[in-house]
Amino acid sequence: ASNLQEFIALARKSPGKYSYGSGGVGSASHLGTEMMRLAGGFTLLH
């Protein structure tokens, strides 16, 4: 995916296929990604 919209389309097409990292449960990187995921309506593996 070359941009955010393409990535969201990929993630929606294959729920849970793609993973994201974070600095730990409850960290800024964790919450920021979850906010993005909820706003975009897709699923990722944490």
ModelCIF file with pLDDT and N, C-alpha, C, O atoms, coordinates in Angstrom:
data_MODEL
#
_entry.id   MODEL 
#
_entity.id                         1 
_entity.type                       polymer 
_entity.pdbx_number_of_molecules   1 
#
_entity_poly.entity_id                      1 
_entity_poly.type                           'polypeptide(L)' 
_entity_poly.nstd_linkage                   no 
_entity_poly.nstd_monomer                   no 
_entity_poly.pdbx_seq_one_letter_code       ASNLQEFIALARKSPGKYSYGSGGVGSASHLGTEMMRLAGGFTLLH 
_entity_poly.pdbx_seq_one_letter_code_can   ASNLQEFIALARKSPGKYSYGSGGVGSASHLGTEMMRLAGGFTLLH 
_entity_poly.pdbx_strand_id                 A 
#
loop_
_entity_poly_seq.entity_id 
_entity_poly_seq.num 
_entity_poly_seq.mon_id 
_entity_poly_seq.hetero 
1 1  ALA n 
1 2  SER n 
1 3  ASN n 
1 4  LEU n 
1 5  GLN n 
1 6  GLU n 
1 7  PHE n 
1 8  ILE n 
1 9  ALA n 
1 10 LEU n 
1 11 ALA n 
1 12 ARG n 
1 13 LYS n 
1 14 SER n 
1 15 PRO n 
1 16 GLY n 
1 17 LYS n 
1 18 TYR n 
1 19 SER n 
1 20 TYR n 
1 21 GLY n 
1 22 SER n 
1 23 GLY n 
1 24 GLY n 
1 25 VAL n 
1 26 GLY n 
1 27 SER n 
1 28 ALA n 
1 29 SER n 
1 30 HIS n 
1 31 LEU n 
1 32 GLY n 
1 33 THR n 
1 34 GLU n 
1 35 MET n 
1 36 MET n 
1 37 ARG n 
1 38 LEU n 
1 39 ALA n 
1 40 GLY n 
1 41 GLY n 
1 42 PHE n 
1 43 THR n 
1 44 LEU n 
1 45 LEU n 
1 46 HIS n 
#
_struct_asym.id          A 
_struct_asym.entity_id   1 
#
loop_
_ma_qa_metric.id 
_ma_qa_metric.mode 
_ma_qa_metric.name 
_ma_qa_metric.software_group_id 
_ma_qa_metric.type 
1 global pLDDT . pLDDT 
2 local  pLDDT . pLDDT 
#
_ma_qa_metric_global.metric_id      1 
_ma_qa_metric_global.metric_value   96.11 
_ma_qa_metric_global.model_id       1 
_ma_qa_metric_global.ordinal_id     1 
#
loop_
_ma_qa_metric_local.label_asym_id 
_ma_qa_metric_local.label_comp_id 
_ma_qa_metric_local.label_seq_id 
_ma_qa_metric_local.metric_id 
_ma_qa_metric_local.metric_value 
_ma_qa_metric_local.model_id 
_ma_qa_metric_local.ordinal_id 
A ALA 1  2 97.00 1 1  
A SER 2  2 95.00 1 2  
A ASN 3  2 96.00 1 3  
A LEU 4  2 97.00 1 4  
A GLN 5  2 97.00 1 5  
A GLU 6  2 97.00 1 6  
A PHE 7  2 97.00 1 7  
A ILE 8  2 97.00 1 8  
A ALA 9  2 97.00 1 9  
A LEU 10 2 97.00 1 10 
A ALA 11 2 97.00 1 11 
A ARG 12 2 97.00 1 12 
A LYS 13 2 97.00 1 13 
A SER 14 2 97.00 1 14 
A PRO 15 2 96.00 1 15 
A GLY 16 2 94.00 1 16 
A LYS 17 2 96.00 1 17 
A TYR 18 2 98.00 1 18 
A SER 19 2 98.00 1 19 
A TYR 20 2 98.00 1 20 
A GLY 21 2 97.00 1 21 
A SER 22 2 96.00 1 22 
A GLY 23 2 92.00 1 23 
A GLY 24 2 92.00 1 24 
A VAL 25 2 93.00 1 25 
A GLY 26 2 92.00 1 26 
A SER 27 2 93.00 1 27 
A ALA 28 2 94.00 1 28 
A SER 29 2 95.00 1 29 
A HIS 30 2 96.00 1 30 
A LEU 31 2 96.00 1 31 
A GLY 32 2 96.00 1 32 
A THR 33 2 97.00 1 33 
A GLU 34 2 97.00 1 34 
A MET 35 2 97.00 1 35 
A MET 36 2 97.00 1 36 
A ARG 37 2 97.00 1 37 
A LEU 38 2 97.00 1 38 
A ALA 39 2 96.00 1 39 
A GLY 40 2 96.00 1 40 
A GLY 41 2 96.00 1 41 
A PHE 42 2 97.00 1 42 
A THR 43 2 96.00 1 43 
A LEU 44 2 97.00 1 44 
A LEU 45 2 97.00 1 45 
A HIS 46 2 97.00 1 46 
#
loop_
_atom_site.group_PDB 
_atom_site.id 
_atom_site.type_symbol 
_atom_site.label_atom_id 
_atom_site.label_alt_id 
_atom_site.label_comp_id 
_atom_site.label_asym_id 
_atom_site.label_entity_id 
_atom_site.label_seq_id 
_atom_site.pdbx_PDB_ins_code 
_atom_site.Cartn_x 
_atom_site.Cartn_y 
_atom_site.Cartn_z 
_atom_site.occupancy 
_atom_site.B_iso_or_equiv 
_atom_site.pdbx_formal_charge 
_atom_site.auth_seq_id 
_atom_site.auth_comp_id 
_atom_site.auth_asym_id 
_atom_site.auth_atom_id 
_atom_site.pdbx_PDB_model_num 
ATOM 1   N N  . ALA A 1 1  ? 0.869   -1.173  0.000  1.00 97.00 ? 1  ALA A N  1 
ATOM 2   C CA . ALA A 1 1  ? 0.000   0.000   0.000  1.00 97.00 ? 1  ALA A CA 1 
ATOM 3   C C  . ALA A 1 1  ? 0.908   1.225   0.000  1.00 97.00 ? 1  ALA A C  1 
ATOM 4   O O  . ALA A 1 1  ? 1.875   1.292   0.758  1.00 97.00 ? 1  ALA A O  1 
ATOM 5   N N  . SER A 1 2  ? 0.591   2.178   -0.846 1.00 95.00 ? 2  SER A N  1 
ATOM 6   C CA . SER A 1 2  ? 1.448   3.366   -0.950 1.00 95.00 ? 2  SER A CA 1 
ATOM 7   C C  . SER A 1 2  ? 0.926   4.547   -0.150 1.00 95.00 ? 2  SER A C  1 
ATOM 8   O O  . SER A 1 2  ? 1.615   5.557   -0.009 1.00 95.00 ? 2  SER A O  1 
ATOM 9   N N  . ASN A 1 3  ? -0.294  4.427   0.376  1.00 96.00 ? 3  ASN A N  1 
ATOM 10  C CA . ASN A 1 3  ? -0.855  5.518   1.172  1.00 96.00 ? 3  ASN A CA 1 
ATOM 11  C C  . ASN A 1 3  ? -1.872  4.961   2.168  1.00 96.00 ? 3  ASN A C  1 
ATOM 12  O O  . ASN A 1 3  ? -2.149  3.762   2.176  1.00 96.00 ? 3  ASN A O  1 
ATOM 13  N N  . LEU A 1 4  ? -2.416  5.824   2.994  1.00 97.00 ? 4  LEU A N  1 
ATOM 14  C CA . LEU A 1 4  ? -3.326  5.394   4.052  1.00 97.00 ? 4  LEU A CA 1 
ATOM 15  C C  . LEU A 1 4  ? -4.601  4.769   3.497  1.00 97.00 ? 4  LEU A C  1 
ATOM 16  O O  . LEU A 1 4  ? -5.055  3.741   4.001  1.00 97.00 ? 4  LEU A O  1 
ATOM 17  N N  . GLN A 1 5  ? -5.173  5.366   2.482  1.00 97.00 ? 5  GLN A N  1 
ATOM 18  C CA . GLN A 1 5  ? -6.429  4.845   1.930  1.00 97.00 ? 5  GLN A CA 1 
ATOM 19  C C  . GLN A 1 5  ? -6.251  3.429   1.376  1.00 97.00 ? 5  GLN A C  1 
ATOM 20  O O  . GLN A 1 5  ? -7.118  2.573   1.556  1.00 97.00 ? 5  GLN A O  1 
ATOM 21  N N  . GLU A 1 6  ? -5.136  3.193   0.710  1.00 97.00 ? 6  GLU A N  1 
ATOM 22  C CA . GLU A 1 6  ? -4.876  1.855   0.182  1.00 97.00 ? 6  GLU A CA 1 
ATOM 23  C C  . GLU A 1 6  ? -4.689  0.853   1.318  1.00 97.00 ? 6  GLU A C  1 
ATOM 24  O O  . GLU A 1 6  ? -5.141  -0.288  1.231  1.00 97.00 ? 6  GLU A O  1 
ATOM 25  N N  . PHE A 1 7  ? -4.021  1.288   2.380  1.00 97.00 ? 7  PHE A N  1 
ATOM 26  C CA . PHE A 1 7  ? -3.827  0.398   3.525  1.00 97.00 ? 7  PHE A CA 1 
ATOM 27  C C  . PHE A 1 7  ? -5.161  0.060   4.191  1.00 97.00 ? 7  PHE A C  1 
ATOM 28  O O  . PHE A 1 7  ? -5.403  -1.098  4.532  1.00 97.00 ? 7  PHE A O  1 
ATOM 29  N N  . ILE A 1 8  ? -6.018  1.045   4.376  1.00 97.00 ? 8  ILE A N  1 
ATOM 30  C CA . ILE A 1 8  ? -7.325  0.798   4.997  1.00 97.00 ? 8  ILE A CA 1 
ATOM 31  C C  . ILE A 1 8  ? -8.124  -0.202  4.157  1.00 97.00 ? 8  ILE A C  1 
ATOM 32  O O  . ILE A 1 8  ? -8.788  -1.086  4.698  1.00 97.00 ? 8  ILE A O  1 
ATOM 33  N N  . ALA A 1 9  ? -8.055  -0.053  2.836  1.00 97.00 ? 9  ALA A N  1 
ATOM 34  C CA . ALA A 1 9  ? -8.768  -0.981  1.948  1.00 97.00 ? 9  ALA A CA 1 
ATOM 35  C C  . ALA A 1 9  ? -8.236  -2.405  2.122  1.00 97.00 ? 9  ALA A C  1 
ATOM 36  O O  . ALA A 1 9  ? -9.010  -3.361  2.158  1.00 97.00 ? 9  ALA A O  1 
ATOM 37  N N  . LEU A 1 10 ? -6.906  -2.541  2.230  1.00 97.00 ? 10 LEU A N  1 
ATOM 38  C CA . LEU A 1 10 ? -6.309  -3.864  2.433  1.00 97.00 ? 10 LEU A CA 1 
ATOM 39  C C  . LEU A 1 10 ? -6.750  -4.477  3.765  1.00 97.00 ? 10 LEU A C  1 
ATOM 40  O O  . LEU A 1 10 ? -7.106  -5.653  3.837  1.00 97.00 ? 10 LEU A O  1 
ATOM 41  N N  . ALA A 1 11 ? -6.718  -3.655  4.813  1.00 97.00 ? 11 ALA A N  1 
ATOM 42  C CA . ALA A 1 11 ? -7.059  -4.153  6.150  1.00 97.00 ? 11 ALA A CA 1 
ATOM 43  C C  . ALA A 1 11 ? -8.528  -4.539  6.246  1.00 97.00 ? 11 ALA A C  1 
ATOM 44  O O  . ALA A 1 11 ? -8.877  -5.502  6.928  1.00 97.00 ? 11 ALA A O  1 
ATOM 45  N N  . ARG A 1 12 ? -9.388  -3.790  5.565  1.00 97.00 ? 12 ARG A N  1 
ATOM 46  C CA . ARG A 1 12 ? -10.816 -4.126  5.578  1.00 97.00 ? 12 ARG A CA 1 
ATOM 47  C C  . ARG A 1 12 ? -11.070 -5.429  4.817  1.00 97.00 ? 12 ARG A C  1 
ATOM 48  O O  . ARG A 1 12 ? -11.943 -6.218  5.180  1.00 97.00 ? 12 ARG A O  1 
ATOM 49  N N  . LYS A 1 13 ? -10.302 -5.633  3.774  1.00 97.00 ? 13 LYS A N  1 
ATOM 50  C CA . LYS A 1 13 ? -10.480 -6.825  2.940  1.00 97.00 ? 13 LYS A CA 1 
ATOM 51  C C  . LYS A 1 13 ? -10.012 -8.083  3.662  1.00 97.00 ? 13 LYS A C  1 
ATOM 52  O O  . LYS A 1 13 ? -10.580 -9.159  3.476  1.00 97.00 ? 13 LYS A O  1 
ATOM 53  N N  . SER A 1 14 ? -8.965  -7.946  4.495  1.00 97.00 ? 14 SER A N  1 
ATOM 54  C CA . SER A 1 14 ? -8.396  -9.109  5.189  1.00 97.00 ? 14 SER A CA 1 
ATOM 55  C C  . SER A 1 14 ? -8.265  -8.811  6.680  1.00 97.00 ? 14 SER A C  1 
ATOM 56  O O  . SER A 1 14 ? -7.165  -8.522  7.150  1.00 97.00 ? 14 SER A O  1 
ATOM 57  N N  . PRO A 1 15 ? -9.371  -8.877  7.439  1.00 96.00 ? 15 PRO A N  1 
ATOM 58  C CA . PRO A 1 15 ? -9.350  -8.559  8.874  1.00 96.00 ? 15 PRO A CA 1 
ATOM 59  C C  . PRO A 1 15 ? -8.343  -9.421  9.642  1.00 96.00 ? 15 PRO A C  1 
ATOM 60  O O  . PRO A 1 15 ? -8.356  -10.647 9.538  1.00 96.00 ? 15 PRO A O  1 
ATOM 61  N N  . GLY A 1 16 ? -7.467  -8.760  10.419 1.00 94.00 ? 16 GLY A N  1 
ATOM 62  C CA . GLY A 1 16 ? -6.503  -9.475  11.244 1.00 94.00 ? 16 GLY A CA 1 
ATOM 63  C C  . GLY A 1 16 ? -5.274  -9.982  10.530 1.00 94.00 ? 16 GLY A C  1 
ATOM 64  O O  . GLY A 1 16 ? -4.397  -10.575 11.157 1.00 94.00 ? 16 GLY A O  1 
ATOM 65  N N  . LYS A 1 17 ? -5.190  -9.763  9.232  1.00 96.00 ? 17 LYS A N  1 
ATOM 66  C CA . LYS A 1 17 ? -4.025  -10.253 8.489  1.00 96.00 ? 17 LYS A CA 1 
ATOM 67  C C  . LYS A 1 17 ? -2.787  -9.420  8.784  1.00 96.00 ? 17 LYS A C  1 
ATOM 68  O O  . LYS A 1 17 ? -1.676  -9.944  8.850  1.00 96.00 ? 17 LYS A O  1 
ATOM 69  N N  . TYR A 1 18 ? -2.985  -8.131  8.961  1.00 98.00 ? 18 TYR A N  1 
ATOM 70  C CA . TYR A 1 18 ? -1.862  -7.218  9.172  1.00 98.00 ? 18 TYR A CA 1 
ATOM 71  C C  . TYR A 1 18 ? -1.723  -6.873  10.654 1.00 98.00 ? 18 TYR A C  1 
ATOM 72  O O  . TYR A 1 18 ? -2.713  -6.782  11.379 1.00 98.00 ? 18 TYR A O  1 
ATOM 73  N N  . SER A 1 19 ? -0.478  -6.683  11.090 1.00 98.00 ? 19 SER A N  1 
ATOM 74  C CA . SER A 1 19 ? -0.219  -6.438  12.511 1.00 98.00 ? 19 SER A CA 1 
ATOM 75  C C  . SER A 1 19 ? 0.399   -5.063  12.732 1.00 98.00 ? 19 SER A C  1 
ATOM 76  O O  . SER A 1 19 ? 1.041   -4.493  11.850 1.00 98.00 ? 19 SER A O  1 
ATOM 77  N N  . TYR A 1 20 ? 0.184   -4.559  13.923 1.00 98.00 ? 20 TYR A N  1 
ATOM 78  C CA . TYR A 1 20 ? 0.808   -3.293  14.307 1.00 98.00 ? 20 TYR A CA 1 
ATOM 79  C C  . TYR A 1 20 ? 1.515   -3.457  15.648 1.00 98.00 ? 20 TYR A C  1 
ATOM 80  O O  . TYR A 1 20 ? 1.092   -4.239  16.499 1.00 98.00 ? 20 TYR A O  1 
ATOM 81  N N  . GLY A 1 21 ? 2.587   -2.712  15.816 1.00 97.00 ? 21 GLY A N  1 
ATOM 82  C CA . GLY A 1 21 ? 3.326   -2.756  17.070 1.00 97.00 ? 21 GLY A CA 1 
ATOM 83  C C  . GLY A 1 21 ? 2.983   -1.572  17.946 1.00 97.00 ? 21 GLY A C  1 
ATOM 84  O O  . GLY A 1 21 ? 2.400   -0.589  17.488 1.00 97.00 ? 21 GLY A O  1 
ATOM 85  N N  . SER A 1 22 ? 3.352   -1.677  19.218 1.00 96.00 ? 22 SER A N  1 
ATOM 86  C CA . SER A 1 22 ? 3.148   -0.569  20.142 1.00 96.00 ? 22 SER A CA 1 
ATOM 87  C C  . SER A 1 22 ? 4.210   -0.625  21.218 1.00 96.00 ? 22 SER A C  1 
ATOM 88  O O  . SER A 1 22 ? 4.956   -1.598  21.327 1.00 96.00 ? 22 SER A O  1 
ATOM 89  N N  . GLY A 1 23 ? 4.268   0.436   22.016 1.00 92.00 ? 23 GLY A N  1 
ATOM 90  C CA . GLY A 1 23 ? 5.201   0.473   23.138 1.00 92.00 ? 23 GLY A CA 1 
ATOM 91  C C  . GLY A 1 23 ? 4.659   -0.209  24.369 1.00 92.00 ? 23 GLY A C  1 
ATOM 92  O O  . GLY A 1 23 ? 5.207   -0.042  25.459 1.00 92.00 ? 23 GLY A O  1 
ATOM 93  N N  . GLY A 1 24 ? 3.590   -0.978  24.220 1.00 92.00 ? 24 GLY A N  1 
ATOM 94  C CA . GLY A 1 24 ? 2.991   -1.684  25.343 1.00 92.00 ? 24 GLY A CA 1 
ATOM 95  C C  . GLY A 1 24 ? 1.520   -1.360  25.485 1.00 92.00 ? 24 GLY A C  1 
ATOM 96  O O  . GLY A 1 24 ? 1.042   -0.371  24.929 1.00 92.00 ? 24 GLY A O  1 
ATOM 97  N N  . VAL A 1 25 ? 0.800   -2.185  26.226 1.00 93.00 ? 25 VAL A N  1 
ATOM 98  C CA . VAL A 1 25 ? -0.633  -1.974  26.430 1.00 93.00 ? 25 VAL A CA 1 
ATOM 99  C C  . VAL A 1 25 ? -0.872  -0.642  27.144 1.00 93.00 ? 25 VAL A C  1 
ATOM 100 O O  . VAL A 1 25 ? -0.283  -0.368  28.190 1.00 93.00 ? 25 VAL A O  1 
ATOM 101 N N  . GLY A 1 26 ? -1.743  0.176   26.563 1.00 92.00 ? 26 GLY A N  1 
ATOM 102 C CA . GLY A 1 26 ? -2.064  1.465   27.157 1.00 92.00 ? 26 GLY A CA 1 
ATOM 103 C C  . GLY A 1 26 ? -1.112  2.588   26.797 1.00 92.00 ? 26 GLY A C  1 
ATOM 104 O O  . GLY A 1 26 ? -1.300  3.724   27.233 1.00 92.00 ? 26 GLY A O  1 
ATOM 105 N N  . SER A 1 27 ? -0.090  2.286   26.005 1.00 93.00 ? 27 SER A N  1 
ATOM 106 C CA . SER A 1 27 ? 0.864   3.326   25.593 1.00 93.00 ? 27 SER A CA 1 
ATOM 107 C C  . SER A 1 27 ? 0.233   4.232   24.544 1.00 93.00 ? 27 SER A C  1 
ATOM 108 O O  . SER A 1 27 ? -0.822  3.921   23.992 1.00 93.00 ? 27 SER A O  1 
ATOM 109 N N  . ALA A 1 28 ? 0.891   5.352   24.276 1.00 94.00 ? 28 ALA A N  1 
ATOM 110 C CA . ALA A 1 28 ? 0.392   6.291   23.274 1.00 94.00 ? 28 ALA A CA 1 
ATOM 111 C C  . ALA A 1 28 ? 0.289   5.633   21.903 1.00 94.00 ? 28 ALA A C  1 
ATOM 112 O O  . ALA A 1 28 ? -0.685  5.839   21.178 1.00 94.00 ? 28 ALA A O  1 
ATOM 113 N N  . SER A 1 29 ? 1.296   4.841   21.554 1.00 95.00 ? 29 SER A N  1 
ATOM 114 C CA . SER A 1 29 ? 1.269   4.182   20.247 1.00 95.00 ? 29 SER A CA 1 
ATOM 115 C C  . SER A 1 29 ? 0.127   3.173   20.155 1.00 95.00 ? 29 SER A C  1 
ATOM 116 O O  . SER A 1 29 ? -0.449  2.987   19.084 1.00 95.00 ? 29 SER A O  1 
ATOM 117 N N  . HIS A 1 30 ? -0.203  2.522   21.266 1.00 96.00 ? 30 HIS A N  1 
ATOM 118 C CA . HIS A 1 30 ? -1.308  1.567   21.293 1.00 96.00 ? 30 HIS A CA 1 
ATOM 119 C C  . HIS A 1 30 ? -2.643  2.285   21.112 1.00 96.00 ? 30 HIS A C  1 
ATOM 120 O O  . HIS A 1 30 ? -3.434  1.930   20.238 1.00 96.00 ? 30 HIS A O  1 
ATOM 121 N N  . LEU A 1 31 ? -2.886  3.301   21.947 1.00 96.00 ? 31 LEU A N  1 
ATOM 122 C CA . LEU A 1 31 ? -4.168  4.004   21.887 1.00 96.00 ? 31 LEU A CA 1 
ATOM 123 C C  . LEU A 1 31 ? -4.335  4.775   20.580 1.00 96.00 ? 31 LEU A C  1 
ATOM 124 O O  . LEU A 1 31 ? -5.426  4.820   20.011 1.00 96.00 ? 31 LEU A O  1 
ATOM 125 N N  . GLY A 1 32 ? -3.247  5.379   20.112 1.00 96.00 ? 32 GLY A N  1 
ATOM 126 C CA . GLY A 1 32 ? -3.334  6.121   18.857 1.00 96.00 ? 32 GLY A CA 1 
ATOM 127 C C  . GLY A 1 32 ? -3.692  5.229   17.686 1.00 96.00 ? 32 GLY A C  1 
ATOM 128 O O  . GLY A 1 32 ? -4.453  5.631   16.806 1.00 96.00 ? 32 GLY A O  1 
ATOM 129 N N  . THR A 1 33 ? -3.144  4.006   17.668 1.00 97.00 ? 33 THR A N  1 
ATOM 130 C CA . THR A 1 33 ? -3.461  3.073   16.591 1.00 97.00 ? 33 THR A CA 1 
ATOM 131 C C  . THR A 1 33 ? -4.893  2.572   16.709 1.00 97.00 ? 33 THR A C  1 
ATOM 132 O O  . THR A 1 33 ? -5.590  2.435   15.704 1.00 97.00 ? 33 THR A O  1 
ATOM 133 N N  . GLU A 1 34 ? -5.335  2.297   17.936 1.00 97.00 ? 34 GLU A N  1 
ATOM 134 C CA . GLU A 1 34 ? -6.708  1.828   18.124 1.00 97.00 ? 34 GLU A CA 1 
ATOM 135 C C  . GLU A 1 34 ? -7.715  2.898   17.727 1.00 97.00 ? 34 GLU A C  1 
ATOM 136 O O  . GLU A 1 34 ? -8.766  2.584   17.168 1.00 97.00 ? 34 GLU A O  1 
ATOM 137 N N  . MET A 1 35 ? -7.405  4.146   18.008 1.00 97.00 ? 35 MET A N  1 
ATOM 138 C CA . MET A 1 35 ? -8.281  5.234   17.579 1.00 97.00 ? 35 MET A CA 1 
ATOM 139 C C  . MET A 1 35 ? -8.367  5.267   16.052 1.00 97.00 ? 35 MET A C  1 
ATOM 140 O O  . MET A 1 35 ? -9.446  5.453   15.490 1.00 97.00 ? 35 MET A O  1 
ATOM 141 N N  . MET A 1 36 ? -7.223  5.084   15.385 1.00 97.00 ? 36 MET A N  1 
ATOM 142 C CA . MET A 1 36 ? -7.189  5.057   13.922 1.00 97.00 ? 36 MET A CA 1 
ATOM 143 C C  . MET A 1 36 ? -7.982  3.864   13.393 1.00 97.00 ? 36 MET A C  1 
ATOM 144 O O  . MET A 1 36 ? -8.755  3.991   12.443 1.00 97.00 ? 36 MET A O  1 
ATOM 145 N N  . ARG A 1 37 ? -7.782  2.719   14.012 1.00 97.00 ? 37 ARG A N  1 
ATOM 146 C CA . ARG A 1 37 ? -8.465  1.496   13.566 1.00 97.00 ? 37 ARG A CA 1 
ATOM 147 C C  . ARG A 1 37 ? -9.986  1.631   13.712 1.00 97.00 ? 37 ARG A C  1 
ATOM 148 O O  . ARG A 1 37 ? -10.735 1.248   12.813 1.00 97.00 ? 37 ARG A O  1 
ATOM 149 N N  . LEU A 1 38 ? -10.427 2.168   14.827 1.00 97.00 ? 38 LEU A N  1 
ATOM 150 C CA . LEU A 1 38 ? -11.867 2.345   15.048 1.00 97.00 ? 38 LEU A CA 1 
ATOM 151 C C  . LEU A 1 38 ? -12.455 3.359   14.072 1.00 97.00 ? 38 LEU A C  1 
ATOM 152 O O  . LEU A 1 38 ? -13.557 3.173   13.555 1.00 97.00 ? 38 LEU A O  1 
ATOM 153 N N  . ALA A 1 39 ? -11.705 4.436   13.825 1.00 96.00 ? 39 ALA A N  1 
ATOM 154 C CA . ALA A 1 39 ? -12.185 5.464   12.901 1.00 96.00 ? 39 ALA A CA 1 
ATOM 155 C C  . ALA A 1 39 ? -12.271 4.932   11.475 1.00 96.00 ? 39 ALA A C  1 
ATOM 156 O O  . ALA A 1 39 ? -13.161 5.312   10.714 1.00 96.00 ? 39 ALA A O  1 
ATOM 157 N N  . GLY A 1 40 ? -11.337 4.045   11.119 1.00 96.00 ? 40 GLY A N  1 
ATOM 158 C CA . GLY A 1 40 ? -11.313 3.514   9.759  1.00 96.00 ? 40 GLY A CA 1 
ATOM 159 C C  . GLY A 1 40 ? -12.141 2.263   9.565  1.00 96.00 ? 40 GLY A C  1 
ATOM 160 O O  . GLY A 1 40 ? -12.373 1.850   8.429  1.00 96.00 ? 40 GLY A O  1 
ATOM 161 N N  . GLY A 1 41 ? -12.593 1.651   10.645 1.00 96.00 ? 41 GLY A N  1 
ATOM 162 C CA . GLY A 1 41 ? -13.431 0.462   10.537 1.00 96.00 ? 41 GLY A CA 1 
ATOM 163 C C  . GLY A 1 41 ? -12.698 -0.758  10.020 1.00 96.00 ? 41 GLY A C  1 
ATOM 164 O O  . GLY A 1 41 ? -13.197 -1.450  9.132  1.00 96.00 ? 41 GLY A O  1 
ATOM 165 N N  . PHE A 1 42 ? -11.503 -1.039  10.569 1.00 97.00 ? 42 PHE A N  1 
ATOM 166 C CA . PHE A 1 42 ? -10.764 -2.222  10.144 1.00 97.00 ? 42 PHE A CA 1 
ATOM 167 C C  . PHE A 1 42 ? -10.140 -2.906  11.360 1.00 97.00 ? 42 PHE A C  1 
ATOM 168 O O  . PHE A 1 42 ? -10.133 -2.345  12.456 1.00 97.00 ? 42 PHE A O  1 
ATOM 169 N N  . THR A 1 43 ? -9.631  -4.086  11.171 1.00 96.00 ? 43 THR A N  1 
ATOM 170 C CA . THR A 1 43 ? -9.076  -4.892  12.263 1.00 96.00 ? 43 THR A CA 1 
ATOM 171 C C  . THR A 1 43 ? -7.605  -5.187  12.006 1.00 96.00 ? 43 THR A C  1 
ATOM 172 O O  . THR A 1 43 ? -7.212  -5.540  10.895 1.00 96.00 ? 43 THR A O  1 
ATOM 173 N N  . LEU A 1 44 ? -6.786  -5.032  13.070 1.00 97.00 ? 44 LEU A N  1 
ATOM 174 C CA . LEU A 1 44 ? -5.361  -5.340  12.997 1.00 97.00 ? 44 LEU A CA 1 
ATOM 175 C C  . LEU A 1 44 ? -4.985  -6.217  14.187 1.00 97.00 ? 44 LEU A C  1 
ATOM 176 O O  . LEU A 1 44 ? -5.686  -6.238  15.198 1.00 97.00 ? 44 LEU A O  1 
ATOM 177 N N  . LEU A 1 45 ? -3.887  -6.930  14.062 1.00 97.00 ? 45 LEU A N  1 
ATOM 178 C CA . LEU A 1 45 ? -3.360  -7.737  15.157 1.00 97.00 ? 45 LEU A CA 1 
ATOM 179 C C  . LEU A 1 45 ? -2.373  -6.894  15.945 1.00 97.00 ? 45 LEU A C  1 
ATOM 180 O O  . LEU A 1 45 ? -1.439  -6.334  15.370 1.00 97.00 ? 45 LEU A O  1 
ATOM 181 N N  . HIS A 1 46 ? -2.569  -6.795  17.267 1.00 97.00 ? 46 HIS A N  1 
ATOM 182 C CA . HIS A 1 46 ? -1.699  -5.986  18.118 1.00 97.00 ? 46 HIS A CA 1 
ATOM 183 C C  . HIS A 1 46 ? -0.519  -6.806  18.625 1.00 97.00 ? 46 HIS A C  1 
ATOM 184 O O  . HIS A 1 46 ? 0.323   -6.289  19.359 1.00 97.00 ? 46 HIS A O  1 
#
